[in-house]
């Protein structure tokens, strides 16, 4: 995977499509797709964080780019505009280092609303 979330190359079948590239990335569905994309970023870097703490900076750069791409789309909730996700490395009770996303206020509220609505998306 490249340094930042990027559009899949035409004809490329080895990388799944990013949510922001999908035609149905609108409204509440965009919030759900964003969470899926963010998890993809976290999964990409999580194993490296314990061995190479500097990977946190790479993961943060990708999370920043992800928010920027969603905020630039037409038809997505205003919750992305001017918002952020801050990644922190933390040890869980088993001693494993994990990446934890901290959402800015408006983005957090939009995600909570999505969860309360039952996450109705495809």
PDB file of N, CA and C in Angstrom:
ATOM      1  N   UNK A   1       0.850  -1.183   0.000  1.00  0.00           N
ATOM      2  CA  UNK A   1       0.000   0.000   0.000  1.00  0.00           C
ATOM      3  C   UNK A   1       0.882   1.227   0.000  1.00  0.00           C
ATOM      4  N   UNK A   2       0.470   2.256  -0.648  1.00  0.00           N
ATOM      5  CA  UNK A   2       1.248   3.473  -0.722  1.00  0.00           C
ATOM      6  C   UNK A   2       1.140   4.253   0.579  1.00  0.00           C
ATOM      7  N   UNK A   3       1.818   5.384   0.632  1.00  0.00           N
ATOM      8  CA  UNK A   3       1.865   6.177   1.854  1.00  0.00           C
ATOM      9  C   UNK A   3       0.524   6.761   2.265  1.00  0.00           C
ATOM     10  N   UNK A   4      -0.323   7.057   1.301  1.00  0.00           N
ATOM     11  CA  UNK A   4      -1.630   7.621   1.612  1.00  0.00           C
ATOM     12  C   UNK A   4      -2.687   6.851   0.860  1.00  0.00           C
ATOM     13  N   UNK A   5      -3.920   6.858   1.370  1.00  0.00           N
ATOM     14  CA  UNK A   5      -4.979   6.179   0.627  1.00  0.00           C
ATOM     15  C   UNK A   5      -5.086   6.799  -0.757  1.00  0.00           C
ATOM     16  N   UNK A   6      -5.016   5.979  -1.762  1.00  0.00           N
ATOM     17  CA  UNK A   6      -5.103   6.469  -3.129  1.00  0.00           C
ATOM     18  C   UNK A   6      -6.090   5.624  -3.907  1.00  0.00           C
ATOM     19  N   UNK A   7      -6.557   6.186  -4.974  1.00  0.00           N
ATOM     20  CA  UNK A   7      -7.466   5.451  -5.850  1.00  0.00           C
ATOM     21  C   UNK A   7      -6.760   4.230  -6.408  1.00  0.00           C
ATOM     22  N   UNK A   8      -7.509   3.162  -6.542  1.00  0.00           N
ATOM     23  CA  UNK A   8      -6.949   1.946  -7.129  1.00  0.00           C
ATOM     24  C   UNK A   8      -6.613   2.214  -8.583  1.00  0.00           C
ATOM     25  N   UNK A   9      -5.535   1.622  -9.045  1.00  0.00           N
ATOM     26  CA  UNK A   9      -5.150   1.784 -10.449  1.00  0.00           C
ATOM     27  C   UNK A   9      -6.132   1.021 -11.326  1.00  0.00           C
ATOM     28  N   UNK A  10      -6.495   1.580 -12.476  1.00  0.00           N
ATOM     29  CA  UNK A  10      -7.398   0.868 -13.380  1.00  0.00           C
ATOM     30  C   UNK A  10      -6.839  -0.520 -13.706  1.00  0.00           C
ATOM     31  N   UNK A  11      -7.690  -1.504 -13.646  1.00  0.00           N
ATOM     32  CA  UNK A  11      -7.278  -2.861 -13.947  1.00  0.00           C
ATOM     33  C   UNK A  11      -6.621  -3.581 -12.782  1.00  0.00           C
ATOM     34  N   UNK A  12      -6.402  -2.876 -11.672  1.00  0.00           N
ATOM     35  CA  UNK A  12      -5.775  -3.488 -10.507  1.00  0.00           C
ATOM     36  C   UNK A  12      -6.812  -4.297  -9.743  1.00  0.00           C
ATOM     37  N   UNK A  13      -6.522  -5.571  -9.552  1.00  0.00           N
ATOM     38  CA  UNK A  13      -7.464  -6.426  -8.835  1.00  0.00           C
ATOM     39  C   UNK A  13      -6.920  -6.859  -7.483  1.00  0.00           C
ATOM     40  N   UNK A  14      -5.660  -6.515  -7.163  1.00  0.00           N
ATOM     41  CA  UNK A  14      -5.088  -6.974  -5.908  1.00  0.00           C
ATOM     42  C   UNK A  14      -5.444  -6.074  -4.725  1.00  0.00           C
ATOM     43  N   UNK A  15      -5.902  -4.872  -4.946  1.00  0.00           N
ATOM     44  CA  UNK A  15      -6.279  -3.975  -3.866  1.00  0.00           C
ATOM     45  C   UNK A  15      -7.772  -3.699  -3.910  1.00  0.00           C
ATOM     46  N   UNK A  16      -8.456  -3.886  -2.787  1.00  0.00           N
ATOM     47  CA  UNK A  16      -9.886  -3.549  -2.776  1.00  0.00           C
ATOM     48  C   UNK A  16     -10.076  -2.043  -2.941  1.00  0.00           C
ATOM     49  N   UNK A  17     -11.219  -1.690  -3.433  1.00  0.00           N
ATOM     50  CA  UNK A  17     -11.550  -0.290  -3.660  1.00  0.00           C
ATOM     51  C   UNK A  17     -11.713   0.427  -2.322  1.00  0.00           C
ATOM     52  N   UNK A  18     -11.241   1.661  -2.246  1.00  0.00           N
ATOM     53  CA  UNK A  18     -11.459   2.491  -1.061  1.00  0.00           C
ATOM     54  C   UNK A  18     -12.910   2.952  -1.061  1.00  0.00           C
ATOM     55  N   UNK A  19     -13.484   3.149   0.099  1.00  0.00           N
ATOM     56  CA  UNK A  19     -14.878   3.570   0.209  1.00  0.00           C
ATOM     57  C   UNK A  19     -15.164   4.878  -0.493  1.00  0.00           C
ATOM     58  N   UNK A  20     -14.242   5.832  -0.415  1.00  0.00           N
ATOM     59  CA  UNK A  20     -14.474   7.140  -1.038  1.00  0.00           C
ATOM     60  C   UNK A  20     -14.484   7.062  -2.556  1.00  0.00           C
ATOM     61  N   UNK A  21     -14.066   5.938  -3.119  1.00  0.00           N
ATOM     62  CA  UNK A  21     -14.096   5.751  -4.571  1.00  0.00           C
ATOM     63  C   UNK A  21     -15.435   5.198  -5.052  1.00  0.00           C
ATOM     64  N   UNK A  22     -16.239   4.726  -4.145  1.00  0.00           N
ATOM     65  CA  UNK A  22     -17.494   4.073  -4.517  1.00  0.00           C
ATOM     66  C   UNK A  22     -18.588   5.084  -4.850  1.00  0.00           C
ATOM     67  N   UNK A  23     -19.415   4.723  -5.799  1.00  0.00           N
ATOM     68  CA  UNK A  23     -20.522   5.590  -6.215  1.00  0.00           C
ATOM     69  C   UNK A  23     -21.549   5.769  -5.098  1.00  0.00           C
ATOM     70  N   UNK A  24     -21.674   4.795  -4.211  1.00  0.00           N
ATOM     71  CA  UNK A  24     -22.660   4.883  -3.126  1.00  0.00           C
ATOM     72  C   UNK A  24     -22.099   5.547  -1.868  1.00  0.00           C
ATOM     73  N   UNK A  25     -20.984   6.233  -1.991  1.00  0.00           N
ATOM     74  CA  UNK A  25     -20.378   6.926  -0.856  1.00  0.00           C
ATOM     75  C   UNK A  25     -21.086   8.265  -0.661  1.00  0.00           C
ATOM     76  N   UNK A  26     -22.264   8.204  -0.064  1.00  0.00           N
ATOM     77  CA  UNK A  26     -23.121   9.371   0.175  1.00  0.00           C
ATOM     78  C   UNK A  26     -23.787   9.221   1.530  1.00  0.00           C
ATOM     79  N   UNK A  27     -24.116  10.340   2.154  1.00  0.00           N
ATOM     80  CA  UNK A  27     -24.880  10.333   3.396  1.00  0.00           C
ATOM     81  C   UNK A  27     -24.289   9.431   4.470  1.00  0.00           C
ATOM     82  N   UNK A  28     -25.174   8.750   5.185  1.00  0.00           N
ATOM     83  CA  UNK A  28     -24.744   7.862   6.270  1.00  0.00           C
ATOM     84  C   UNK A  28     -23.848   6.742   5.757  1.00  0.00           C
ATOM     85  N   UNK A  29     -24.033   6.337   4.517  1.00  0.00           N
ATOM     86  CA  UNK A  29     -23.196   5.291   3.951  1.00  0.00           C
ATOM     87  C   UNK A  29     -21.727   5.733   3.914  1.00  0.00           C
ATOM     88  N   UNK A  30     -21.495   7.025   3.674  1.00  0.00           N
ATOM     89  CA  UNK A  30     -20.122   7.541   3.659  1.00  0.00           C
ATOM     90  C   UNK A  30     -19.471   7.372   5.027  1.00  0.00           C
ATOM     91  N   UNK A  31     -20.224   7.575   6.089  1.00  0.00           N
ATOM     92  CA  UNK A  31     -19.673   7.400   7.434  1.00  0.00           C
ATOM     93  C   UNK A  31     -19.256   5.948   7.666  1.00  0.00           C
ATOM     94  N   UNK A  32     -20.096   5.029   7.257  1.00  0.00           N
ATOM     95  CA  UNK A  32     -19.772   3.615   7.406  1.00  0.00           C
ATOM     96  C   UNK A  32     -18.573   3.207   6.568  1.00  0.00           C
ATOM     97  N   UNK A  33     -18.511   3.706   5.347  1.00  0.00           N
ATOM     98  CA  UNK A  33     -17.378   3.409   4.476  1.00  0.00           C
ATOM     99  C   UNK A  33     -16.093   4.014   5.037  1.00  0.00           C
ATOM    100  N   UNK A  34     -16.210   5.188   5.627  1.00  0.00           N
ATOM    101  CA  UNK A  34     -15.057   5.831   6.259  1.00  0.00           C
ATOM    102  C   UNK A  34     -14.487   4.945   7.369  1.00  0.00           C
ATOM    103  N   UNK A  35     -15.364   4.415   8.200  1.00  0.00           N
ATOM    104  CA  UNK A  35     -14.904   3.534   9.286  1.00  0.00           C
ATOM    105  C   UNK A  35     -14.206   2.308   8.706  1.00  0.00           C
ATOM    106  N   UNK A  36     -14.762   1.738   7.642  1.00  0.00           N
ATOM    107  CA  UNK A  36     -14.116   0.591   6.996  1.00  0.00           C
ATOM    108  C   UNK A  36     -12.726   0.963   6.470  1.00  0.00           C
ATOM    109  N   UNK A  37     -12.624   2.133   5.835  1.00  0.00           N
ATOM    110  CA  UNK A  37     -11.340   2.581   5.302  1.00  0.00           C
ATOM    111  C   UNK A  37     -10.345   2.863   6.426  1.00  0.00           C
ATOM    112  N   UNK A  38     -10.812   3.472   7.505  1.00  0.00           N
ATOM    113  CA  UNK A  38      -9.930   3.751   8.634  1.00  0.00           C
ATOM    114  C   UNK A  38      -9.418   2.444   9.241  1.00  0.00           C
ATOM    115  N   UNK A  39     -10.288   1.451   9.339  1.00  0.00           N
ATOM    116  CA  UNK A  39      -9.849   0.150   9.864  1.00  0.00           C
ATOM    117  C   UNK A  39      -8.783  -0.455   8.964  1.00  0.00           C
ATOM    118  N   UNK A  40      -8.940  -0.251   7.683  1.00  0.00           N
ATOM    119  CA  UNK A  40      -7.937  -0.750   6.718  1.00  0.00           C
ATOM    120  C   UNK A  40      -6.577  -0.097   6.977  1.00  0.00           C
ATOM    121  N   UNK A  41      -6.576   1.201   7.248  1.00  0.00           N
ATOM    122  CA  UNK A  41      -5.334   1.913   7.572  1.00  0.00           C
ATOM    123  C   UNK A  41      -4.745   1.362   8.878  1.00  0.00           C
ATOM    124  N   UNK A  42      -5.590   1.209   9.894  1.00  0.00           N
ATOM    125  CA  UNK A  42      -5.114   0.695  11.187  1.00  0.00           C
ATOM    126  C   UNK A  42      -4.539  -0.706  11.041  1.00  0.00           C
ATOM    127  N   UNK A  43      -5.232  -1.560  10.319  1.00  0.00           N
ATOM    128  CA  UNK A  43      -4.773  -2.934  10.132  1.00  0.00           C
ATOM    129  C   UNK A  43      -3.424  -2.981   9.416  1.00  0.00           C
ATOM    130  N   UNK A  44      -3.223  -2.070   8.482  1.00  0.00           N
ATOM    131  CA  UNK A  44      -1.982  -2.026   7.715  1.00  0.00           C
ATOM    132  C   UNK A  44      -0.784  -1.739   8.615  1.00  0.00           C
ATOM    133  N   UNK A  45      -0.983  -0.920   9.635  1.00  0.00           N
ATOM    134  CA  UNK A  45       0.134  -0.461  10.457  1.00  0.00           C
ATOM    135  C   UNK A  45       0.218  -1.085  11.839  1.00  0.00           C
ATOM    136  N   UNK A  46      -0.838  -1.713  12.293  1.00  0.00           N
ATOM    137  CA  UNK A  46      -0.873  -2.163  13.683  1.00  0.00           C
ATOM    138  C   UNK A  46       0.267  -3.107  14.046  1.00  0.00           C
ATOM    139  N   UNK A  47       0.589  -4.055  13.203  1.00  0.00           N
ATOM    140  CA  UNK A  47       1.654  -5.005  13.519  1.00  0.00           C
ATOM    141  C   UNK A  47       3.012  -4.321  13.606  1.00  0.00           C
ATOM    142  N   UNK A  48       3.203  -3.239  12.865  1.00  0.00           N
ATOM    143  CA  UNK A  48       4.484  -2.541  12.848  1.00  0.00           C
ATOM    144  C   UNK A  48       4.677  -1.593  14.029  1.00  0.00           C
ATOM    145  N   UNK A  49       3.600  -1.186  14.669  1.00  0.00           N
ATOM    146  CA  UNK A  49       3.680  -0.158  15.700  1.00  0.00           C
ATOM    147  C   UNK A  49       4.560  -0.591  16.870  1.00  0.00           C
ATOM    148  N   UNK A  50       4.413  -1.816  17.342  1.00  0.00           N
ATOM    149  CA  UNK A  50       5.211  -2.281  18.477  1.00  0.00           C
ATOM    150  C   UNK A  50       6.697  -2.345  18.123  1.00  0.00           C
ATOM    151  N   UNK A  51       7.008  -2.832  16.939  1.00  0.00           N
ATOM    152  CA  UNK A  51       8.405  -2.981  16.524  1.00  0.00           C
ATOM    153  C   UNK A  51       9.017  -1.669  16.051  1.00  0.00           C
ATOM    154  N   UNK A  52       8.207  -0.846  15.413  1.00  0.00           N
ATOM    155  CA  UNK A  52       8.693   0.415  14.849  1.00  0.00           C
ATOM    156  C   UNK A  52       7.725   1.542  15.195  1.00  0.00           C
ATOM    157  N   UNK A  53       7.888   2.138  16.366  1.00  0.00           N
ATOM    158  CA  UNK A  53       6.956   3.204  16.779  1.00  0.00           C
ATOM    159  C   UNK A  53       6.836   4.355  15.787  1.00  0.00           C
ATOM    160  N   UNK A  54       7.851   4.569  14.952  1.00  0.00           N
ATOM    161  CA  UNK A  54       7.774   5.640  13.945  1.00  0.00           C
ATOM    162  C   UNK A  54       6.663   5.383  12.937  1.00  0.00           C
ATOM    163  N   UNK A  55       6.174   4.150  12.835  1.00  0.00           N
ATOM    164  CA  UNK A  55       5.071   3.839  11.928  1.00  0.00           C
ATOM    165  C   UNK A  55       3.798   4.593  12.316  1.00  0.00           C
ATOM    166  N   UNK A  56       3.731   5.048  13.549  1.00  0.00           N
ATOM    167  CA  UNK A  56       2.576   5.841  13.973  1.00  0.00           C
ATOM    168  C   UNK A  56       2.441   7.088  13.099  1.00  0.00           C
ATOM    169  N   UNK A  57       3.554   7.695  12.732  1.00  0.00           N
ATOM    170  CA  UNK A  57       3.522   8.891  11.884  1.00  0.00           C
ATOM    171  C   UNK A  57       2.975   8.570  10.496  1.00  0.00           C
ATOM    172  N   UNK A  58       3.358   7.432   9.961  1.00  0.00           N
ATOM    173  CA  UNK A  58       2.854   6.999   8.648  1.00  0.00           C
ATOM    174  C   UNK A  58       1.351   6.735   8.718  1.00  0.00           C
ATOM    175  N   UNK A  59       0.933   6.031   9.763  1.00  0.00           N
ATOM    176  CA  UNK A  59      -0.492   5.736   9.936  1.00  0.00           C
ATOM    177  C   UNK A  59      -1.279   7.038  10.104  1.00  0.00           C
ATOM    178  N   UNK A  60      -0.732   7.987  10.862  1.00  0.00           N
ATOM    179  CA  UNK A  60      -1.414   9.269  11.064  1.00  0.00           C
ATOM    180  C   UNK A  60      -1.541  10.025   9.754  1.00  0.00           C
ATOM    181  N   UNK A  61      -0.511  10.008   8.946  1.00  0.00           N
ATOM    182  CA  UNK A  61      -0.564  10.678   7.642  1.00  0.00           C
ATOM    183  C   UNK A  61      -1.657  10.069   6.774  1.00  0.00           C
ATOM    184  N   UNK A  62      -1.795   8.762   6.806  1.00  0.00           N
ATOM    185  CA  UNK A  62      -2.838   8.108   6.026  1.00  0.00           C
ATOM    186  C   UNK A  62      -4.220   8.444   6.566  1.00  0.00           C
ATOM    187  N   UNK A  63      -4.371   8.501   7.884  1.00  0.00           N
ATOM    188  CA  UNK A  63      -5.662   8.865   8.473  1.00  0.00           C
ATOM    189  C   UNK A  63      -6.025  10.305   8.098  1.00  0.00           C
ATOM    190  N   UNK A  64      -5.059  11.208   8.122  1.00  0.00           N
ATOM    191  CA  UNK A  64      -5.301  12.600   7.726  1.00  0.00           C
ATOM    192  C   UNK A  64      -5.760  12.686   6.279  1.00  0.00           C
ATOM    193  N   UNK A  65      -5.093  11.934   5.411  1.00  0.00           N
ATOM    194  CA  UNK A  65      -5.449  11.932   3.991  1.00  0.00           C
ATOM    195  C   UNK A  65      -6.843  11.348   3.782  1.00  0.00           C
ATOM    196  N   UNK A  66      -7.177  10.348   4.549  1.00  0.00           N
ATOM    197  CA  UNK A  66      -8.497   9.727   4.452  1.00  0.00           C
ATOM    198  C   UNK A  66      -9.594  10.740   4.790  1.00  0.00           C
ATOM    199  N   UNK A  67      -9.432  11.466   5.892  1.00  0.00           N
ATOM    200  CA  UNK A  67     -10.421  12.488   6.266  1.00  0.00           C
ATOM    201  C   UNK A  67     -10.508  13.549   5.177  1.00  0.00           C
ATOM    202  N   UNK A  68      -9.363  13.960   4.649  1.00  0.00           N
ATOM    203  CA  UNK A  68      -9.342  14.974   3.588  1.00  0.00           C
ATOM    204  C   UNK A  68     -10.108  14.496   2.357  1.00  0.00           C
ATOM    205  N   UNK A  69      -9.906  13.248   1.969  1.00  0.00           N
ATOM    206  CA  UNK A  69     -10.592  12.716   0.779  1.00  0.00           C
ATOM    207  C   UNK A  69     -12.107  12.657   0.986  1.00  0.00           C
ATOM    208  N   UNK A  70     -12.543  12.237   2.174  1.00  0.00           N
ATOM    209  CA  UNK A  70     -13.977  12.185   2.433  1.00  0.00           C
ATOM    210  C   UNK A  70     -14.569  13.595   2.487  1.00  0.00           C
ATOM    211  N   UNK A  71     -13.869  14.547   3.084  1.00  0.00           N
ATOM    212  CA  UNK A  71     -14.369  15.920   3.175  1.00  0.00           C
ATOM    213  C   UNK A  71     -14.506  16.554   1.789  1.00  0.00           C
ATOM    214  N   UNK A  72     -13.705  16.105   0.825  1.00  0.00           N
ATOM    215  CA  UNK A  72     -13.721  16.676  -0.525  1.00  0.00           C
ATOM    216  C   UNK A  72     -14.844  16.122  -1.402  1.00  0.00           C
ATOM    217  N   UNK A  73     -15.519  15.068  -0.955  1.00  0.00           N
ATOM    218  CA  UNK A  73     -16.577  14.460  -1.759  1.00  0.00           C
ATOM    219  C   UNK A  73     -17.872  15.256  -1.706  1.00  0.00           C
ATOM    220  N   UNK A  74     -18.627  15.227  -2.796  1.00  0.00           N
ATOM    221  CA  UNK A  74     -19.974  15.798  -2.807  1.00  0.00           C
ATOM    222  C   UNK A  74     -20.926  14.781  -2.193  1.00  0.00           C
ATOM    223  N   UNK A  75     -21.896  15.260  -1.445  1.00  0.00           N
ATOM    224  CA  UNK A  75     -22.936  14.380  -0.923  1.00  0.00           C
ATOM    225  C   UNK A  75     -22.584  13.641   0.350  1.00  0.00           C
ATOM    226  N   UNK A  76     -21.431  13.952   0.950  1.00  0.00           N
ATOM    227  CA  UNK A  76     -21.100  13.316   2.217  1.00  0.00           C
ATOM    228  C   UNK A  76     -21.481  14.254   3.358  1.00  0.00           C
ATOM    229  N   UNK A  77     -21.691  13.709   4.537  1.00  0.00           N
ATOM    230  CA  UNK A  77     -22.073  14.563   5.663  1.00  0.00           C
ATOM    231  C   UNK A  77     -21.044  15.663   5.941  1.00  0.00           C
ATOM    232  N   UNK A  78     -21.532  16.810   6.351  1.00  0.00           N
ATOM    233  CA  UNK A  78     -20.654  17.925   6.710  1.00  0.00           C
ATOM    234  C   UNK A  78     -19.746  17.561   7.874  1.00  0.00           C
ATOM    235  N   UNK A  79     -20.016  16.453   8.535  1.00  0.00           N
ATOM    236  CA  UNK A  79     -19.225  16.022   9.684  1.00  0.00           C
ATOM    237  C   UNK A  79     -17.749  15.815   9.346  1.00  0.00           C
ATOM    238  N   UNK A  80     -17.408  15.673   8.084  1.00  0.00           N
ATOM    239  CA  UNK A  80     -16.006  15.486   7.704  1.00  0.00           C
ATOM    240  C   UNK A  80     -15.271  16.813   7.561  1.00  0.00           C
ATOM    241  N   UNK A  81     -15.994  17.878   7.280  1.00  0.00           N
ATOM    242  CA  UNK A  81     -15.382  19.172   7.007  1.00  0.00           C
ATOM    243  C   UNK A  81     -14.691  19.726   8.256  1.00  0.00           C
ATOM    244  N   UNK A  82     -13.408  19.973   8.136  1.00  0.00           N
ATOM    245  CA  UNK A  82     -12.635  20.543   9.239  1.00  0.00           C
ATOM    246  C   UNK A  82     -12.414  19.594  10.404  1.00  0.00           C
ATOM    247  N   UNK A  83     -12.662  18.324  10.213  1.00  0.00           N
ATOM    248  CA  UNK A  83     -12.534  17.362  11.309  1.00  0.00           C
ATOM    249  C   UNK A  83     -11.236  16.571  11.197  1.00  0.00           C
ATOM    250  N   UNK A  84     -10.978  15.751  12.210  1.00  0.00           N
ATOM    251  CA  UNK A  84      -9.728  15.000  12.239  1.00  0.00           C
ATOM    252  C   UNK A  84      -9.886  13.691  12.996  1.00  0.00           C
ATOM    253  N   UNK A  85      -8.898  12.839  12.771  1.00  0.00           N
ATOM    254  CA  UNK A  85      -8.743  11.609  13.537  1.00  0.00           C
ATOM    255  C   UNK A  85      -7.303  11.606  14.013  1.00  0.00           C
ATOM    256  N   UNK A  86      -7.116  11.508  15.313  1.00  0.00           N
ATOM    257  CA  UNK A  86      -5.780  11.440  15.888  1.00  0.00           C
ATOM    258  C   UNK A  86      -5.533  10.005  16.329  1.00  0.00           C
ATOM    259  N   UNK A  87      -4.435   9.437  15.879  1.00  0.00           N
ATOM    260  CA  UNK A  87      -4.117   8.060  16.241  1.00  0.00           C
ATOM    261  C   UNK A  87      -3.149   8.044  17.419  1.00  0.00           C
ATOM    262  N   UNK A  88      -3.409   7.145  18.346  1.00  0.00           N
ATOM    263  CA  UNK A  88      -2.541   6.944  19.500  1.00  0.00           C
ATOM    264  C   UNK A  88      -2.173   5.464  19.583  1.00  0.00           C
ATOM    265  N   UNK A  89      -0.965   5.199  19.993  1.00  0.00           N
ATOM    266  CA  UNK A  89      -0.551   3.816  20.254  1.00  0.00           C
ATOM    267  C   UNK A  89      -0.757   3.573  21.745  1.00  0.00           C
ATOM    268  N   UNK A  90      -1.429   2.473  22.072  1.00  0.00           N
ATOM    269  CA  UNK A  90      -1.714   2.151  23.471  1.00  0.00           C
ATOM    270  C   UNK A  90      -1.574   0.652  23.681  1.00  0.00           C
ATOM    271  N   UNK A  91      -1.212   0.267  24.889  1.00  0.00           N
ATOM    272  CA  UNK A  91      -1.133  -1.154  25.250  1.00  0.00           C
ATOM    273  C   UNK A  91      -2.453  -1.593  25.844  1.00  0.00           C
ATOM    274  N   UNK A  92      -2.946  -2.721  25.365  1.00  0.00           N
ATOM    275  CA  UNK A  92      -4.174  -3.270  25.939  1.00  0.00           C
ATOM    276  C   UNK A  92      -3.819  -4.095  27.171  1.00  0.00           C
ATOM    277  N   UNK A  93      -4.819  -4.687  27.790  1.00  0.00           N
ATOM    278  CA  UNK A  93      -4.588  -5.434  29.028  1.00  0.00           C
ATOM    279  C   UNK A  93      -3.695  -6.655  28.825  1.00  0.00           C
ATOM    280  N   UNK A  94      -3.603  -7.132  27.585  1.00  0.00           N
ATOM    281  CA  UNK A  94      -2.729  -8.273  27.285  1.00  0.00           C
ATOM    282  C   UNK A  94      -1.305  -7.832  26.970  1.00  0.00           C
ATOM    283  N   UNK A  95      -1.063  -6.522  26.980  1.00  0.00           N
ATOM    284  CA  UNK A  95       0.270  -6.008  26.694  1.00  0.00           C
ATOM    285  C   UNK A  95       0.559  -5.783  25.226  1.00  0.00           C
ATOM    286  N   UNK A  96      -0.432  -5.977  24.365  1.00  0.00           N
ATOM    287  CA  UNK A  96      -0.270  -5.774  22.934  1.00  0.00           C
ATOM    288  C   UNK A  96      -0.459  -4.295  22.601  1.00  0.00           C
ATOM    289  N   UNK A  97       0.420  -3.777  21.768  1.00  0.00           N
ATOM    290  CA  UNK A  97       0.293  -2.385  21.336  1.00  0.00           C
ATOM    291  C   UNK A  97      -0.731  -2.321  20.212  1.00  0.00           C
ATOM    292  N   UNK A  98      -1.692  -1.395  20.353  1.00  0.00           N
ATOM    293  CA  UNK A  98      -2.735  -1.213  19.352  1.00  0.00           C
ATOM    294  C   UNK A  98      -2.849   0.257  18.981  1.00  0.00           C
ATOM    295  N   UNK A  99      -3.342   0.507  17.782  1.00  0.00           N
ATOM    296  CA  UNK A  99      -3.647   1.874  17.361  1.00  0.00           C
ATOM    297  C   UNK A  99      -5.081   2.191  17.762  1.00  0.00           C
ATOM    298  N   UNK A 100      -5.250   3.345  18.383  1.00  0.00           N
ATOM    299  CA  UNK A 100      -6.569   3.774  18.839  1.00  0.00           C
ATOM    300  C   UNK A 100      -6.892   5.100  18.159  1.00  0.00           C
ATOM    301  N   UNK A 101      -8.008   5.166  17.410  1.00  0.00           N
ATOM    302  CA  UNK A 101      -8.381   6.435  16.773  1.00  0.00           C
ATOM    303  C   UNK A 101      -9.186   7.309  17.730  1.00  0.00           C
ATOM    304  N   UNK A 102      -8.824   8.569  17.807  1.00  0.00           N
ATOM    305  CA  UNK A 102      -9.571   9.563  18.580  1.00  0.00           C
ATOM    306  C   UNK A 102     -10.176  10.540  17.575  1.00  0.00           C
ATOM    307  N   UNK A 103     -11.500  10.626  17.566  1.00  0.00           N
ATOM    308  CA  UNK A 103     -12.206  11.431  16.581  1.00  0.00           C
ATOM    309  C   UNK A 103     -12.483  12.831  17.118  1.00  0.00           C
ATOM    310  N   UNK A 104     -12.396  13.827  16.242  1.00  0.00           N
ATOM    311  CA  UNK A 104     -12.779  15.187  16.625  1.00  0.00           C
ATOM    312  C   UNK A 104     -14.282  15.202  16.892  1.00  0.00           C
ATOM    313  N   UNK A 105     -14.753  16.242  17.565  1.00  0.00           N
ATOM    314  CA  UNK A 105     -16.115  16.293  18.110  1.00  0.00           C
ATOM    315  C   UNK A 105     -17.229  16.032  17.087  1.00  0.00           C
ATOM    316  N   UNK A 106     -17.248  16.773  15.990  1.00  0.00           N
ATOM    317  CA  UNK A 106     -18.350  16.630  15.029  1.00  0.00           C
ATOM    318  C   UNK A 106     -18.321  15.266  14.343  1.00  0.00           C
ATOM    319  N   UNK A 107     -17.141  14.774  14.043  1.00  0.00           N
ATOM    320  CA  UNK A 107     -17.029  13.460  13.409  1.00  0.00           C
ATOM    321  C   UNK A 107     -17.458  12.371  14.390  1.00  0.00           C
ATOM    322  N   UNK A 108     -17.049  12.507  15.624  1.00  0.00           N
ATOM    323  CA  UNK A 108     -17.457  11.546  16.663  1.00  0.00           C
ATOM    324  C   UNK A 108     -18.977  11.528  16.806  1.00  0.00           C
ATOM    325  N   UNK A 109     -19.595  12.701  16.848  1.00  0.00           N
ATOM    326  CA  UNK A 109     -21.051  12.774  16.995  1.00  0.00           C
ATOM    327  C   UNK A 109     -21.766  12.150  15.800  1.00  0.00           C
ATOM    328  N   UNK A 110     -21.256  12.385  14.603  1.00  0.00           N
ATOM    329  CA  UNK A 110     -21.865  11.794  13.404  1.00  0.00           C
ATOM    330  C   UNK A 110     -21.759  10.274  13.438  1.00  0.00           C
ATOM    331  N   UNK A 111     -20.636   9.767  13.892  1.00  0.00           N
ATOM    332  CA  UNK A 111     -20.456   8.312  13.982  1.00  0.00           C
ATOM    333  C   UNK A 111     -21.355   7.707  15.054  1.00  0.00           C
ATOM    334  N   UNK A 112     -21.510   8.401  16.168  1.00  0.00           N
ATOM    335  CA  UNK A 112     -22.423   7.940  17.224  1.00  0.00           C
ATOM    336  C   UNK A 112     -23.843   7.906  16.700  1.00  0.00           C
ATOM    337  N   UNK A 113     -24.245   8.929  15.962  1.00  0.00           N
ATOM    338  CA  UNK A 113     -25.589   8.968  15.378  1.00  0.00           C
ATOM    339  C   UNK A 113     -25.797   7.800  14.421  1.00  0.00           C
ATOM    340  N   UNK A 114     -24.761   7.466  13.644  1.00  0.00           N
ATOM    341  CA  UNK A 114     -24.840   6.329  12.735  1.00  0.00           C
ATOM    342  C   UNK A 114     -25.057   5.043  13.518  1.00  0.00           C
ATOM    343  N   UNK A 115     -24.299   4.861  14.582  1.00  0.00           N
ATOM    344  CA  UNK A 115     -24.454   3.667  15.419  1.00  0.00           C
ATOM    345  C   UNK A 115     -25.841   3.599  16.056  1.00  0.00           C
ATOM    346  N   UNK A 116     -26.328   4.725  16.538  1.00  0.00           N
ATOM    347  CA  UNK A 116     -27.654   4.767  17.168  1.00  0.00           C
ATOM    348  C   UNK A 116     -28.762   4.489  16.172  1.00  0.00           C
ATOM    349  N   UNK A 117     -28.517   4.805  14.892  1.00  0.00           N
ATOM    350  CA  UNK A 117     -29.521   4.547  13.862  1.00  0.00           C
ATOM    351  C   UNK A 117     -29.471   3.104  13.375  1.00  0.00           C
ATOM    352  N   UNK A 118     -28.594   2.326  13.939  1.00  0.00           N
ATOM    353  CA  UNK A 118     -28.505   0.921  13.551  1.00  0.00           C
ATOM    354  C   UNK A 118     -27.541   0.675  12.415  1.00  0.00           C
ATOM    355  N   UNK A 119     -26.784   1.699  12.039  1.00  0.00           N
ATOM    356  CA  UNK A 119     -25.786   1.522  10.984  1.00  0.00           C
ATOM    357  C   UNK A 119     -26.393   1.100   9.667  1.00  0.00           C
ATOM    358  N   UNK A 120     -27.544   1.641   9.323  1.00  0.00           N
ATOM    359  CA  UNK A 120     -28.230   1.227   8.089  1.00  0.00           C
ATOM    360  C   UNK A 120     -27.448   1.672   6.867  1.00  0.00           C
ATOM    361  N   UNK A 121     -26.649   0.732   6.349  1.00  0.00           N
ATOM    362  CA  UNK A 121     -25.919   0.933   5.105  1.00  0.00           C
ATOM    363  C   UNK A 121     -25.677  -0.431   4.505  1.00  0.00           C
ATOM    364  N   UNK A 122     -25.247  -0.422   3.258  1.00  0.00           N
ATOM    365  CA  UNK A 122     -25.020  -1.698   2.564  1.00  0.00           C
ATOM    366  C   UNK A 122     -23.645  -2.202   2.824  1.00  0.00           C
TER     367      UNK A 122
END
